[in-house]
Amino acid sequence: KLKSLTLRGTNISLLQGLKPKFISNLDSLDLSENSFQDLSTFNWSSLENLNSLSLSNLNISDLSFLSKFPNSTMIKYLNLSFNSIRSLENMVMIQIRNPRILDLSNNKIEYIADEVFNNRLSIWDLYLNNNKLRVFPNLNVQSFKINLSNNLIRRIDTLLIEKLIILTILDLSRNQIESIEFENIFDTDSSLLELYLYKNQLTEINSIV
């Protein structure tokens, strides 16, 4: 039975022909770079075995369709990059429990609600680069790598970084950060190994340890 389906860049606008009997065993689905009229009408509830989903460059602004995934969904790779997403609200990802890689880069995200990533303990790589975030978000997630480069962040709340106890790579390059307190970031329990701050507006570095 069909395990992988790639329809990237095929200029299709409707998905009615993809009946449950054709897609229920899919492990990988790529629908990127198309012109879908309404993603909410697709048979998302049939994708019980899906591990990889690419929905890049579809002009998506509404993520409510994610709630239609089955409770058993175990998506490990979710690509929502190059869309028109402006905010991540509390319940929007309730069915996407533990993606290993979540790519939300190159959107228009200005706001992330505090509870969006609650209890998502294993998003290994989280990409939020090339958005419009003005503050360091309260991600409430355990990740090894977080990319927040090329946003509009001016200030870093070190308490929010301290909560990311397994974080090893943090990219804050190409923001508008003016100062940073190293002592609070690199405490004795910190797992952070790589920190990228180039192309910011740093005028002050406090307490380098």
Protein backbone atom coordinates (compact mmCIF):
# COMPACT_ATOMS: atom_id res chain seq x y z
CA LYS A 1 0.00 0.00 0.00
CA LEU A 2 1.08 3.56 -0.71
CA LYS A 3 3.60 4.83 1.88
CA SER A 4 4.85 8.11 0.37
CA LEU A 5 3.06 10.71 -1.74
CA THR A 6 4.68 13.87 -3.14
CA LEU A 7 2.48 16.40 -4.93
CA ARG A 8 4.81 19.38 -4.52
CA GLY A 9 4.48 22.10 -7.14
CA THR A 10 1.77 20.43 -9.21
CA ASN A 11 -0.59 23.46 -9.24
CA ILE A 12 -3.54 21.47 -7.91
CA SER A 13 -6.27 23.27 -5.96
CA LEU A 14 -8.57 20.44 -4.82
CA LEU A 15 -7.87 17.21 -2.93
CA GLN A 16 -11.21 15.42 -3.09
CA GLY A 17 -9.73 12.54 -5.11
CA LEU A 18 -7.49 11.42 -2.25
CA LYS A 19 -9.92 9.04 -0.59
CA PRO A 20 -9.14 7.37 2.78
CA LYS A 21 -8.43 4.00 1.15
CA PHE A 22 -5.55 5.61 -0.80
CA ILE A 23 -3.94 7.59 2.01
CA SER A 24 -4.58 5.72 5.27
CA ASN A 25 -1.15 4.01 5.18
CA LEU A 26 0.87 7.05 4.18
CA ASP A 27 4.09 7.60 6.11
CA SER A 28 5.08 10.75 4.20
CA LEU A 29 2.97 13.41 2.47
CA ASP A 30 4.24 16.51 0.66
CA LEU A 31 1.61 18.98 -0.57
CA SER A 32 3.89 22.04 -0.73
CA GLU A 33 3.83 24.76 -3.40
CA ASN A 34 0.26 24.37 -4.59
CA SER A 35 -2.91 26.48 -4.67
CA PHE A 36 -5.39 24.72 -2.41
CA GLN A 37 -8.64 26.56 -1.85
CA ASP A 38 -9.48 25.07 1.54
CA LEU A 39 -7.26 22.64 3.46
CA SER A 40 -9.97 21.99 6.06
CA THR A 41 -11.92 19.85 3.56
CA PHE A 42 -9.11 17.32 3.19
CA ASN A 43 -9.41 13.91 4.88
CA TRP A 44 -6.84 14.59 7.62
CA SER A 45 -8.53 12.14 9.99
CA SER A 46 -7.44 9.25 7.75
CA LEU A 47 -3.72 9.91 8.21
CA GLU A 48 -3.21 7.68 11.22
CA ASN A 49 0.25 6.47 10.19
CA LEU A 50 1.75 9.74 9.01
CA ASN A 51 5.28 10.60 10.17
CA SER A 52 6.25 13.40 7.78
CA LEU A 53 4.05 16.23 6.49
CA SER A 54 5.19 19.14 4.31
CA LEU A 55 2.78 22.04 3.79
CA SER A 56 5.25 24.71 2.74
CA ASN A 57 4.44 27.69 0.53
CA LEU A 58 0.66 27.27 0.46
CA ASN A 59 -0.30 30.73 1.74
CA ILE A 60 -1.71 29.14 4.90
CA SER A 61 -2.92 31.63 7.51
CA ASP A 62 -5.43 29.51 9.44
CA LEU A 63 -4.13 26.43 11.27
CA SER A 64 -7.50 25.17 12.49
CA PHE A 65 -7.29 22.22 10.09
CA LEU A 66 -4.62 20.71 12.37
CA SER A 67 -7.38 19.86 14.87
CA LYS A 68 -8.79 17.38 12.35
CA PHE A 69 -5.90 14.96 12.70
CA PRO A 70 -6.69 11.69 14.53
CA ASN A 71 -5.75 11.27 18.19
CA SER A 72 -3.25 8.62 17.18
CA THR A 73 -1.24 11.04 15.00
CA MET A 74 2.51 10.65 15.54
CA ILE A 75 3.89 13.18 13.07
CA LYS A 76 7.63 13.58 13.60
CA TYR A 77 8.34 16.14 10.88
CA LEU A 78 5.97 19.03 10.21
CA ASN A 79 6.91 21.73 7.72
CA LEU A 80 4.71 24.84 7.68
CA SER A 81 7.35 27.22 6.37
CA PHE A 82 6.84 29.99 3.80
CA ASN A 83 3.18 30.58 4.61
CA SER A 84 1.18 33.53 5.99
CA ILE A 85 0.75 32.46 9.62
CA ARG A 86 0.51 35.49 11.93
CA SER A 87 -0.05 33.91 15.33
CA LEU A 88 -0.02 30.60 17.19
CA GLU A 89 -2.98 30.34 19.52
CA ASN A 90 -3.41 28.04 22.50
CA MET A 91 -5.19 25.01 21.10
CA VAL A 92 -4.01 25.16 17.50
CA MET A 93 -1.62 22.21 17.76
CA ILE A 94 -3.52 20.07 20.22
CA GLN A 95 -3.43 17.02 17.90
CA ILE A 96 0.25 17.40 16.91
CA ARG A 97 1.74 16.16 20.13
CA ASN A 98 5.42 15.41 19.68
CA PRO A 99 6.93 16.46 16.38
CA ARG A 100 10.68 15.95 16.35
CA ILE A 101 11.15 18.75 13.81
CA LEU A 102 8.72 21.65 13.54
CA ASP A 103 9.42 24.26 10.87
CA LEU A 104 7.46 27.51 11.13
CA SER A 105 10.10 29.64 9.49
CA ASN A 106 9.42 32.33 6.89
CA ASN A 107 5.92 33.20 8.03
CA LYS A 108 4.55 36.43 9.54
CA ILE A 109 4.30 35.24 13.15
CA GLU A 110 4.00 38.12 15.62
CA TYR A 111 2.51 36.30 18.61
CA ILE A 112 2.87 32.88 20.24
CA ALA A 113 0.51 32.08 23.09
CA ASP A 114 2.17 30.69 26.22
CA GLU A 115 0.37 27.35 26.11
CA VAL A 116 0.89 26.49 22.43
CA PHE A 117 3.76 24.08 23.11
CA ASN A 118 2.67 22.97 26.56
CA ASN A 119 3.67 19.36 27.33
CA ARG A 120 5.41 18.93 23.98
CA LEU A 121 8.52 17.46 25.50
CA SER A 122 10.43 16.37 22.44
CA ILE A 123 10.41 18.94 19.65
CA TRP A 124 14.09 18.42 18.95
CA ASP A 125 14.45 21.16 16.34
CA LEU A 126 12.16 24.19 16.34
CA TYR A 127 12.46 26.72 13.51
CA LEU A 128 10.86 30.13 14.06
CA ASN A 129 13.34 32.14 12.04
CA ASN A 130 12.31 34.81 9.53
CA ASN A 131 9.16 35.91 11.30
CA LYS A 132 8.03 39.12 13.05
CA LEU A 133 8.42 38.24 16.72
CA ARG A 134 9.28 41.26 18.87
CA VAL A 135 9.82 39.45 22.18
CA PHE A 136 11.50 36.19 23.10
CA PRO A 137 8.52 33.80 23.24
CA ASN A 138 7.59 31.71 26.24
CA LEU A 139 8.03 28.46 24.32
CA ASN A 140 7.48 26.08 27.22
CA VAL A 141 9.04 23.28 25.23
CA GLN A 142 12.13 21.11 25.53
CA SER A 143 14.22 21.36 22.38
CA PHE A 144 17.84 20.74 21.47
CA LYS A 145 17.84 23.44 18.80
CA ILE A 146 15.77 26.62 18.48
CA ASN A 147 16.21 29.04 15.62
CA LEU A 148 14.79 32.53 16.22
CA SER A 149 17.05 34.35 13.80
CA ASN A 150 15.86 37.22 11.64
CA ASN A 151 13.00 38.38 13.83
CA LEU A 152 12.48 41.74 15.58
CA ILE A 153 13.45 40.67 19.10
CA ARG A 154 14.93 43.49 21.20
CA ARG A 155 15.10 41.95 24.63
CA ILE A 156 15.88 38.49 26.00
CA ASP A 157 14.13 37.27 29.11
CA THR A 158 16.80 34.96 30.51
CA LEU A 159 14.24 33.25 32.75
CA LEU A 160 12.54 31.92 29.63
CA ILE A 161 15.85 30.55 28.35
CA GLU A 162 16.59 28.90 31.70
CA LYS A 163 13.39 26.87 31.34
CA LEU A 164 14.78 25.26 28.18
CA ILE A 165 16.86 22.80 30.16
CA ILE A 166 18.07 20.58 27.30
CA LEU A 167 18.68 23.36 24.78
CA THR A 168 22.10 23.07 23.16
CA ILE A 169 21.81 25.42 20.15
CA LEU A 170 20.09 28.81 20.18
CA ASP A 171 20.20 31.10 17.15
CA LEU A 172 19.25 34.72 17.85
CA SER A 173 21.19 36.24 14.99
CA ARG A 174 19.78 39.09 12.89
CA ASN A 175 17.47 40.51 15.54
CA GLN A 176 17.54 43.87 17.34
CA ILE A 177 18.92 42.72 20.69
CA GLU A 178 20.70 45.52 22.56
CA SER A 179 21.99 43.78 25.68
CA ILE A 180 22.35 40.31 27.13
CA GLU A 181 23.15 38.87 30.56
CA PHE A 182 25.47 35.96 30.03
CA GLU A 183 25.65 34.98 33.66
CA ASN A 184 21.98 34.12 33.81
CA ILE A 185 22.09 32.17 30.55
CA PHE A 186 25.21 30.14 31.27
CA ASP A 187 24.46 29.03 34.82
CA THR A 188 25.88 25.81 36.21
CA ASP A 189 22.95 23.75 34.95
CA SER A 190 22.89 25.16 31.43
CA SER A 191 23.22 22.70 28.54
CA LEU A 192 23.67 25.48 25.97
CA LEU A 193 26.68 24.84 23.74
CA GLU A 194 26.12 27.20 20.81
CA LEU A 195 24.70 30.73 20.92
CA TYR A 196 24.48 32.89 17.79
CA LEU A 197 24.09 36.65 18.23
CA TYR A 198 25.64 38.16 15.15
CA LYS A 199 23.95 41.04 13.29
CA ASN A 200 22.22 42.41 16.40
CA GLN A 201 22.50 45.84 18.03
CA LEU A 202 24.48 44.79 21.09
CA THR A 203 25.89 47.66 23.11
CA GLU A 204 26.24 45.84 26.42
CA ILE A 205 27.27 42.40 27.59
CA ASN A 206 26.83 41.80 31.29
CA SER A 207 28.78 39.41 33.50
CA ILE A 208 30.55 37.09 31.07
CA VAL A 209 31.44 33.92 32.95
